[in-house]
Amino acid sequence: MIEIVPGLFLDERDIEERFVRAAGPGGQNVNKLSTAVELRFDLWRCATLPDEIRWRASQIAGRRLNNEGVVVIQAQRFRTQDANRKDAMARLAALIAEAAEPPAPPRRVTKVPKSQKRARLDDKRKAGERKAGRARPRGDD
């Protein structure tokens, strides 16, 4: 079991890792070793996640979620297989942790009080009068 947040666990059996050849840095190792990780997590079949968190995770996952309900995370940022494996797991954990946070309640629209509107307009008028006093005097002929 992998703990995501206190009280929320993922079963390791729901996670599948495949190692593939990576593009990018690595020199000759790129051509010889399979260092990139393709992590697959079956979101819809995971029994340890509540439905609410599964639904939010599917919304957050976006295009990483395929039609079968499997989240696919590709990690090839590092040169070593172990580092890419840890990176993929961390990214999956971050996705699930973000989904575990309850959404913020919608903002309640409030009206600006009349006294505040009046004070703002008074301040604007005073600022305008102050600036008008700085103007060059007009020559009245």
N, C-alpha and C. Protein backbone atom coordinates (compact mmCIF):
# COMPACT_ATOMS: atom_id res chain seq x y z
N MET A 1 0.84 -1.19 0.00
CA MET A 1 0.00 0.00 0.00
C MET A 1 0.88 1.26 0.00
N ILE A 2 0.50 2.22 -0.81
CA ILE A 2 1.23 3.48 -0.91
C ILE A 2 0.33 4.57 -0.32
N GLU A 3 0.84 5.27 0.69
CA GLU A 3 0.05 6.33 1.33
C GLU A 3 0.21 7.62 0.54
N ILE A 4 -0.91 8.19 0.13
CA ILE A 4 -0.92 9.44 -0.63
C ILE A 4 -1.06 10.62 0.34
N VAL A 5 -2.12 10.63 1.09
CA VAL A 5 -2.35 11.59 2.17
C VAL A 5 -2.77 10.74 3.37
N PRO A 6 -2.71 11.28 4.58
CA PRO A 6 -3.10 10.47 5.74
C PRO A 6 -4.52 9.90 5.57
N GLY A 7 -4.60 8.59 5.64
CA GLY A 7 -5.88 7.91 5.52
C GLY A 7 -6.27 7.52 4.11
N LEU A 8 -5.46 7.87 3.11
CA LEU A 8 -5.76 7.53 1.71
C LEU A 8 -4.60 6.74 1.14
N PHE A 9 -4.89 5.52 0.72
CA PHE A 9 -3.86 4.61 0.23
C PHE A 9 -4.18 4.14 -1.18
N LEU A 10 -3.13 3.81 -1.94
CA LEU A 10 -3.27 3.16 -3.25
C LEU A 10 -2.68 1.77 -3.14
N ASP A 11 -3.36 0.82 -3.73
CA ASP A 11 -2.86 -0.54 -3.75
C ASP A 11 -1.83 -0.66 -4.86
N GLU A 12 -0.67 -1.21 -4.56
CA GLU A 12 0.40 -1.34 -5.55
C GLU A 12 0.00 -2.25 -6.70
N ARG A 13 -0.95 -3.14 -6.47
CA ARG A 13 -1.39 -4.05 -7.52
C ARG A 13 -2.17 -3.32 -8.61
N ASP A 14 -2.69 -2.11 -8.31
CA ASP A 14 -3.43 -1.32 -9.31
C ASP A 14 -2.49 -0.54 -10.22
N ILE A 15 -1.20 -0.54 -9.91
CA ILE A 15 -0.22 0.23 -10.67
C ILE A 15 0.63 -0.72 -11.51
N GLU A 16 0.74 -0.41 -12.79
CA GLU A 16 1.54 -1.22 -13.70
C GLU A 16 2.63 -0.33 -14.30
N GLU A 17 3.85 -0.82 -14.32
CA GLU A 17 4.97 -0.06 -14.88
C GLU A 17 5.54 -0.81 -16.08
N ARG A 18 5.80 -0.05 -17.13
CA ARG A 18 6.49 -0.60 -18.30
C ARG A 18 7.70 0.28 -18.55
N PHE A 19 8.78 -0.35 -18.90
CA PHE A 19 10.01 0.40 -19.18
C PHE A 19 10.25 0.38 -20.68
N VAL A 20 10.43 1.59 -21.22
CA VAL A 20 10.62 1.75 -22.66
C VAL A 20 11.85 2.58 -22.92
N ARG A 21 12.29 2.62 -24.15
CA ARG A 21 13.45 3.43 -24.50
C ARG A 21 13.07 4.90 -24.45
N ALA A 22 13.97 5.69 -23.90
CA ALA A 22 13.71 7.12 -23.75
C ALA A 22 14.40 7.91 -24.85
N ALA A 23 13.86 9.08 -25.13
CA ALA A 23 14.52 10.03 -26.01
C ALA A 23 15.22 11.05 -25.13
N GLY A 24 16.15 11.77 -25.66
CA GLY A 24 16.79 12.83 -24.89
C GLY A 24 18.15 12.44 -24.36
N PRO A 25 18.58 13.05 -23.24
CA PRO A 25 19.94 12.86 -22.76
C PRO A 25 20.21 11.42 -22.32
N GLY A 26 21.46 11.04 -22.40
CA GLY A 26 21.83 9.70 -21.96
C GLY A 26 22.95 9.11 -22.78
N GLY A 27 23.34 9.77 -23.86
CA GLY A 27 24.45 9.26 -24.67
C GLY A 27 24.11 7.92 -25.27
N GLN A 28 25.06 6.98 -25.21
CA GLN A 28 24.85 5.66 -25.79
C GLN A 28 23.78 4.88 -25.03
N ASN A 29 23.59 5.21 -23.76
CA ASN A 29 22.59 4.48 -22.96
C ASN A 29 21.19 4.59 -23.55
N VAL A 30 20.90 5.71 -24.23
CA VAL A 30 19.58 5.90 -24.82
C VAL A 30 19.29 4.78 -25.81
N ASN A 31 20.30 4.36 -26.54
CA ASN A 31 20.12 3.32 -27.55
C ASN A 31 20.13 1.91 -26.98
N LYS A 32 20.68 1.75 -25.77
CA LYS A 32 20.86 0.41 -25.23
C LYS A 32 19.88 0.05 -24.13
N LEU A 33 19.51 1.02 -23.29
CA LEU A 33 18.73 0.71 -22.09
C LEU A 33 17.32 1.31 -22.17
N SER A 34 16.41 0.65 -21.49
CA SER A 34 15.04 1.15 -21.39
C SER A 34 14.90 1.89 -20.07
N THR A 35 15.13 3.20 -20.11
CA THR A 35 15.12 3.97 -18.86
C THR A 35 13.82 4.74 -18.65
N ALA A 36 13.06 4.98 -19.69
CA ALA A 36 11.80 5.71 -19.53
C ALA A 36 10.75 4.79 -18.90
N VAL A 37 9.85 5.38 -18.13
CA VAL A 37 8.82 4.61 -17.44
C VAL A 37 7.45 5.06 -17.94
N GLU A 38 6.62 4.08 -18.25
CA GLU A 38 5.22 4.34 -18.57
C GLU A 38 4.41 3.72 -17.44
N LEU A 39 3.89 4.57 -16.57
CA LEU A 39 3.13 4.11 -15.41
C LEU A 39 1.65 4.11 -15.77
N ARG A 40 0.98 3.00 -15.51
CA ARG A 40 -0.45 2.89 -15.80
C ARG A 40 -1.19 2.61 -14.50
N PHE A 41 -2.21 3.42 -14.23
CA PHE A 41 -3.01 3.27 -13.01
C PHE A 41 -4.47 3.21 -13.41
N ASP A 42 -5.12 2.08 -13.12
CA ASP A 42 -6.52 1.89 -13.47
C ASP A 42 -7.38 2.63 -12.44
N LEU A 43 -7.78 3.82 -12.80
CA LEU A 43 -8.51 4.70 -11.88
C LEU A 43 -9.90 4.16 -11.54
N TRP A 44 -10.61 3.64 -12.53
CA TRP A 44 -11.99 3.21 -12.30
C TRP A 44 -12.09 1.89 -11.55
N ARG A 45 -11.04 1.07 -11.60
CA ARG A 45 -11.09 -0.22 -10.91
C ARG A 45 -10.41 -0.19 -9.55
N CYS A 46 -9.87 0.93 -9.15
CA CYS A 46 -9.18 1.04 -7.86
C CYS A 46 -10.23 1.05 -6.74
N ALA A 47 -10.18 0.02 -5.91
CA ALA A 47 -11.18 -0.12 -4.84
C ALA A 47 -10.87 0.75 -3.63
N THR A 48 -9.63 1.22 -3.49
CA THR A 48 -9.25 1.97 -2.30
C THR A 48 -9.63 3.45 -2.38
N LEU A 49 -10.00 3.94 -3.57
CA LEU A 49 -10.36 5.35 -3.71
C LEU A 49 -11.87 5.53 -3.67
N PRO A 50 -12.37 6.50 -2.92
CA PRO A 50 -13.80 6.80 -2.93
C PRO A 50 -14.22 7.34 -4.31
N ASP A 51 -15.49 7.18 -4.64
CA ASP A 51 -16.01 7.61 -5.95
C ASP A 51 -15.76 9.09 -6.20
N GLU A 52 -15.96 9.90 -5.17
CA GLU A 52 -15.80 11.35 -5.30
C GLU A 52 -14.36 11.71 -5.72
N ILE A 53 -13.38 11.07 -5.11
CA ILE A 53 -11.98 11.34 -5.43
C ILE A 53 -11.66 10.80 -6.82
N ARG A 54 -12.22 9.65 -7.17
CA ARG A 54 -12.00 9.09 -8.51
C ARG A 54 -12.51 10.04 -9.58
N TRP A 55 -13.70 10.61 -9.35
CA TRP A 55 -14.27 11.52 -10.34
C TRP A 55 -13.41 12.78 -10.48
N ARG A 56 -13.00 13.36 -9.33
CA ARG A 56 -12.16 14.57 -9.40
C ARG A 56 -10.83 14.27 -10.06
N ALA A 57 -10.26 13.10 -9.77
CA ALA A 57 -8.97 12.71 -10.39
C ALA A 57 -9.13 12.57 -11.90
N SER A 58 -10.26 12.06 -12.34
CA SER A 58 -10.47 11.93 -13.79
C SER A 58 -10.56 13.30 -14.45
N GLN A 59 -11.12 14.28 -13.74
CA GLN A 59 -11.19 15.64 -14.28
C GLN A 59 -9.81 16.29 -14.33
N ILE A 60 -9.00 16.04 -13.30
CA ILE A 60 -7.67 16.63 -13.22
C ILE A 60 -6.72 15.97 -14.23
N ALA A 61 -6.87 14.66 -14.43
CA ALA A 61 -5.95 13.91 -15.29
C ALA A 61 -6.00 14.40 -16.74
N GLY A 62 -7.15 14.83 -17.19
CA GLY A 62 -7.26 15.36 -18.54
C GLY A 62 -6.91 14.32 -19.60
N ARG A 63 -5.97 14.66 -20.48
CA ARG A 63 -5.64 13.76 -21.59
C ARG A 63 -4.77 12.57 -21.15
N ARG A 64 -4.30 12.58 -19.91
CA ARG A 64 -3.55 11.42 -19.41
C ARG A 64 -4.47 10.24 -19.12
N LEU A 65 -5.77 10.48 -19.08
CA LEU A 65 -6.75 9.43 -18.83
C LEU A 65 -7.27 8.92 -20.18
N ASN A 66 -7.13 7.61 -20.43
CA ASN A 66 -7.60 7.08 -21.71
C ASN A 66 -9.05 6.62 -21.61
N ASN A 67 -9.59 6.08 -22.69
CA ASN A 67 -11.01 5.71 -22.74
C ASN A 67 -11.36 4.57 -21.79
N GLU A 68 -10.38 3.75 -21.42
CA GLU A 68 -10.64 2.63 -20.51
C GLU A 68 -10.60 3.05 -19.05
N GLY A 69 -10.34 4.32 -18.76
CA GLY A 69 -10.26 4.79 -17.38
C GLY A 69 -8.91 4.53 -16.75
N VAL A 70 -7.87 4.43 -17.57
CA VAL A 70 -6.51 4.19 -17.08
C VAL A 70 -5.70 5.48 -17.22
N VAL A 71 -5.09 5.90 -16.13
CA VAL A 71 -4.22 7.08 -16.15
C VAL A 71 -2.84 6.60 -16.60
N VAL A 72 -2.31 7.24 -17.65
CA VAL A 72 -1.00 6.87 -18.19
C VAL A 72 -0.05 8.04 -17.96
N ILE A 73 1.02 7.78 -17.22
CA ILE A 73 2.02 8.82 -16.93
C ILE A 73 3.34 8.37 -17.53
N GLN A 74 3.91 9.22 -18.38
CA GLN A 74 5.20 8.93 -19.01
C GLN A 74 6.27 9.73 -18.29
N ALA A 75 7.35 9.06 -17.87
CA ALA A 75 8.45 9.74 -17.18
C ALA A 75 9.76 9.38 -17.87
N GLN A 76 10.42 10.39 -18.42
CA GLN A 76 11.72 10.16 -19.05
C GLN A 76 12.64 11.35 -18.84
N ARG A 77 12.39 12.08 -17.77
CA ARG A 77 13.15 13.27 -17.47
C ARG A 77 14.60 12.96 -17.05
N PHE A 78 14.80 11.83 -16.39
CA PHE A 78 16.11 11.50 -15.83
C PHE A 78 16.79 10.40 -16.64
N ARG A 79 18.07 10.21 -16.37
CA ARG A 79 18.85 9.22 -17.11
C ARG A 79 18.71 7.81 -16.57
N THR A 80 18.30 7.69 -15.31
CA THR A 80 18.23 6.35 -14.71
C THR A 80 16.78 5.90 -14.59
N GLN A 81 16.61 4.59 -14.68
CA GLN A 81 15.30 3.99 -14.59
C GLN A 81 14.67 4.23 -13.22
N ASP A 82 15.48 4.13 -12.17
CA ASP A 82 14.98 4.31 -10.81
C ASP A 82 14.47 5.74 -10.59
N ALA A 83 15.23 6.72 -11.08
CA ALA A 83 14.81 8.12 -10.91
C ALA A 83 13.53 8.39 -11.68
N ASN A 84 13.40 7.84 -12.88
CA ASN A 84 12.18 8.01 -13.67
C ASN A 84 11.00 7.31 -13.00
N ARG A 85 11.25 6.16 -12.39
CA ARG A 85 10.21 5.42 -11.67
C ARG A 85 9.68 6.25 -10.50
N LYS A 86 10.60 6.83 -9.73
CA LYS A 86 10.21 7.66 -8.58
C LYS A 86 9.46 8.91 -9.05
N ASP A 87 9.90 9.48 -10.17
CA ASP A 87 9.26 10.67 -10.72
C ASP A 87 7.81 10.35 -11.13
N ALA A 88 7.61 9.23 -11.80
CA ALA A 88 6.27 8.84 -12.23
C ALA A 88 5.36 8.60 -11.03
N MET A 89 5.89 7.92 -10.00
CA MET A 89 5.09 7.65 -8.80
C MET A 89 4.74 8.96 -8.09
N ALA A 90 5.70 9.88 -8.03
CA ALA A 90 5.45 11.17 -7.38
C ALA A 90 4.38 11.96 -8.13
N ARG A 91 4.41 11.90 -9.45
CA ARG A 91 3.41 12.61 -10.25
C ARG A 91 2.01 12.00 -10.08
N LEU A 92 1.95 10.67 -9.98
CA LEU A 92 0.67 10.02 -9.72
C LEU A 92 0.16 10.39 -8.33
N ALA A 93 1.04 10.37 -7.35
CA ALA A 93 0.65 10.71 -5.98
C ALA A 93 0.17 12.16 -5.91
N ALA A 94 0.83 13.06 -6.63
CA ALA A 94 0.42 14.47 -6.64
C ALA A 94 -0.96 14.62 -7.26
N LEU A 95 -1.24 13.87 -8.32
CA LEU A 95 -2.55 13.93 -8.98
C LEU A 95 -3.65 13.46 -8.02
N ILE A 96 -3.41 12.34 -7.34
CA ILE A 96 -4.41 11.80 -6.42
C ILE A 96 -4.56 12.72 -5.20
N ALA A 97 -3.45 13.28 -4.71
CA ALA A 97 -3.51 14.19 -3.56
C ALA A 97 -4.31 15.44 -3.90
N GLU A 98 -4.13 15.95 -5.12
CA GLU A 98 -4.89 17.13 -5.54
C GLU A 98 -6.38 16.80 -5.63
N ALA A 99 -6.70 15.59 -6.09
CA ALA A 99 -8.10 15.17 -6.18
C ALA A 99 -8.70 14.94 -4.80
N ALA A 100 -7.87 14.60 -3.82
CA ALA A 100 -8.36 14.32 -2.47
C ALA A 100 -8.75 15.59 -1.72
N GLU A 101 -8.22 16.74 -2.15
CA GLU A 101 -8.59 18.00 -1.50
C GLU A 101 -10.01 18.36 -1.90
N PRO A 102 -10.86 18.67 -0.93
CA PRO A 102 -12.23 19.04 -1.30
C PRO A 102 -12.23 20.37 -2.06
N PRO A 103 -13.13 20.52 -3.02
CA PRO A 103 -13.15 21.76 -3.79
C PRO A 103 -13.57 22.94 -2.92
N ALA A 104 -13.08 24.10 -3.27
CA ALA A 104 -13.43 25.31 -2.53
C ALA A 104 -14.90 25.64 -2.77
N PRO A 105 -15.59 26.12 -1.74
CA PRO A 105 -17.00 26.47 -1.95
C PRO A 105 -17.10 27.64 -2.93
N PRO A 106 -18.20 27.72 -3.66
CA PRO A 106 -18.34 28.83 -4.62
C PRO A 106 -18.41 30.17 -3.89
N ARG A 107 -17.89 31.18 -4.54
CA ARG A 107 -17.85 32.52 -3.95
C ARG A 107 -19.27 33.08 -3.87
N ARG A 108 -19.58 33.65 -2.72
CA ARG A 108 -20.88 34.29 -2.55
C ARG A 108 -20.76 35.73 -3.02
N VAL A 109 -21.58 36.08 -3.97
CA VAL A 109 -21.54 37.43 -4.54
C VAL A 109 -22.16 38.40 -3.54
N THR A 110 -21.44 39.47 -3.24
CA THR A 110 -21.95 40.47 -2.31
C THR A 110 -22.02 41.81 -3.01
N LYS A 111 -22.84 42.70 -2.46
CA LYS A 111 -23.02 44.02 -3.03
C LYS A 111 -22.11 45.01 -2.31
N VAL A 112 -21.54 45.95 -3.06
CA VAL A 112 -20.70 46.98 -2.46
C VAL A 112 -21.63 47.98 -1.76
N PRO A 113 -21.37 48.28 -0.48
CA PRO A 113 -22.23 49.22 0.24
C PRO A 113 -22.21 50.62 -0.38
N LYS A 114 -23.35 51.32 -0.28
CA LYS A 114 -23.45 52.67 -0.84
C LYS A 114 -22.44 53.62 -0.22
N SER A 115 -22.20 53.47 1.08
CA SER A 115 -21.24 54.36 1.76
C SER A 115 -19.84 54.19 1.18
N GLN A 116 -19.48 52.96 0.81
CA GLN A 116 -18.15 52.71 0.24
C GLN A 116 -18.06 53.32 -1.16
N LYS A 117 -19.13 53.21 -1.94
CA LYS A 117 -19.15 53.81 -3.28
C LYS A 117 -19.01 55.33 -3.17
N ARG A 118 -19.77 55.91 -2.21
CA ARG A 118 -19.74 57.36 -2.02
C ARG A 118 -18.35 57.82 -1.60
N ALA A 119 -17.70 57.08 -0.68
CA ALA A 119 -16.36 57.43 -0.22
C ALA A 119 -15.36 57.36 -1.38
N ARG A 120 -15.49 56.36 -2.24
CA ARG A 120 -14.58 56.23 -3.38
C ARG A 120 -14.75 57.41 -4.33
N LEU A 121 -15.99 57.79 -4.60
CA LEU A 121 -16.23 58.91 -5.51
C LEU A 121 -15.75 60.23 -4.89
N ASP A 122 -15.91 60.40 -3.57
CA ASP A 122 -15.41 61.60 -2.90
C ASP A 122 -13.89 61.69 -3.01
N ASP A 123 -13.22 60.55 -2.81
CA ASP A 123 -11.75 60.52 -2.93
C ASP A 123 -11.32 60.89 -4.34
N LYS A 124 -12.03 60.37 -5.34
CA LYS A 124 -11.70 60.69 -6.73
C LYS A 124 -11.87 62.19 -6.99
N ARG A 125 -12.97 62.75 -6.46
CA ARG A 125 -13.23 64.18 -6.68
C ARG A 125 -12.14 65.03 -6.03
N LYS A 126 -11.75 64.66 -4.79
CA LYS A 126 -10.69 65.41 -4.09
C LYS A 126 -9.36 65.32 -4.83
N ALA A 127 -9.05 64.12 -5.36
CA ALA A 127 -7.81 63.96 -6.11
C ALA A 127 -7.83 64.81 -7.36
N GLY A 128 -8.97 64.88 -8.04
CA GLY A 128 -9.11 65.71 -9.23
C GLY A 128 -8.93 67.19 -8.92
N GLU A 129 -9.52 67.64 -7.80
CA GLU A 129 -9.38 69.05 -7.40
C GLU A 129 -7.93 69.37 -7.07
N ARG A 130 -7.25 68.43 -6.40
CA ARG A 130 -5.85 68.62 -6.04
C ARG A 130 -5.00 68.77 -7.30
N LYS A 131 -5.25 67.92 -8.28
CA LYS A 131 -4.47 67.97 -9.52
C LYS A 131 -4.81 69.22 -10.33
N ALA A 132 -6.07 69.62 -10.29
CA ALA A 132 -6.48 70.82 -11.02
C ALA A 132 -5.77 72.04 -10.44
N GLY A 133 -5.50 72.04 -9.15
CA GLY A 133 -4.79 73.15 -8.51
C GLY A 133 -3.34 73.25 -8.95
N ARG A 134 -2.78 72.18 -9.49
CA ARG A 134 -1.39 72.18 -9.94
C ARG A 134 -1.24 72.72 -11.36
N ALA A 135 -2.34 72.89 -12.05
CA ALA A 135 -2.29 73.31 -13.47
C ALA A 135 -1.78 74.73 -13.58
N ARG A 136 -1.22 75.03 -14.73
CA ARG A 136 -0.73 76.37 -15.01
C ARG A 136 -1.92 77.34 -15.07
N PRO A 137 -1.78 78.52 -14.51
CA PRO A 137 -2.91 79.44 -14.55
C PRO A 137 -3.20 79.86 -15.99
N ARG A 138 -4.47 79.98 -16.27
CA ARG A 138 -4.88 80.38 -17.61
C ARG A 138 -4.79 81.88 -17.73
N GLY A 139 -4.37 82.30 -18.85
CA GLY A 139 -4.31 83.74 -19.09
C GLY A 139 -5.63 84.25 -19.58
N ASP A 140 -6.40 84.91 -18.71
CA ASP A 140 -7.70 85.45 -19.13
C ASP A 140 -7.48 86.83 -19.70
N ASP A 141 -7.70 87.00 -20.96
CA ASP A 141 -7.50 88.31 -21.61
C ASP A 141 -8.73 89.10 -21.66
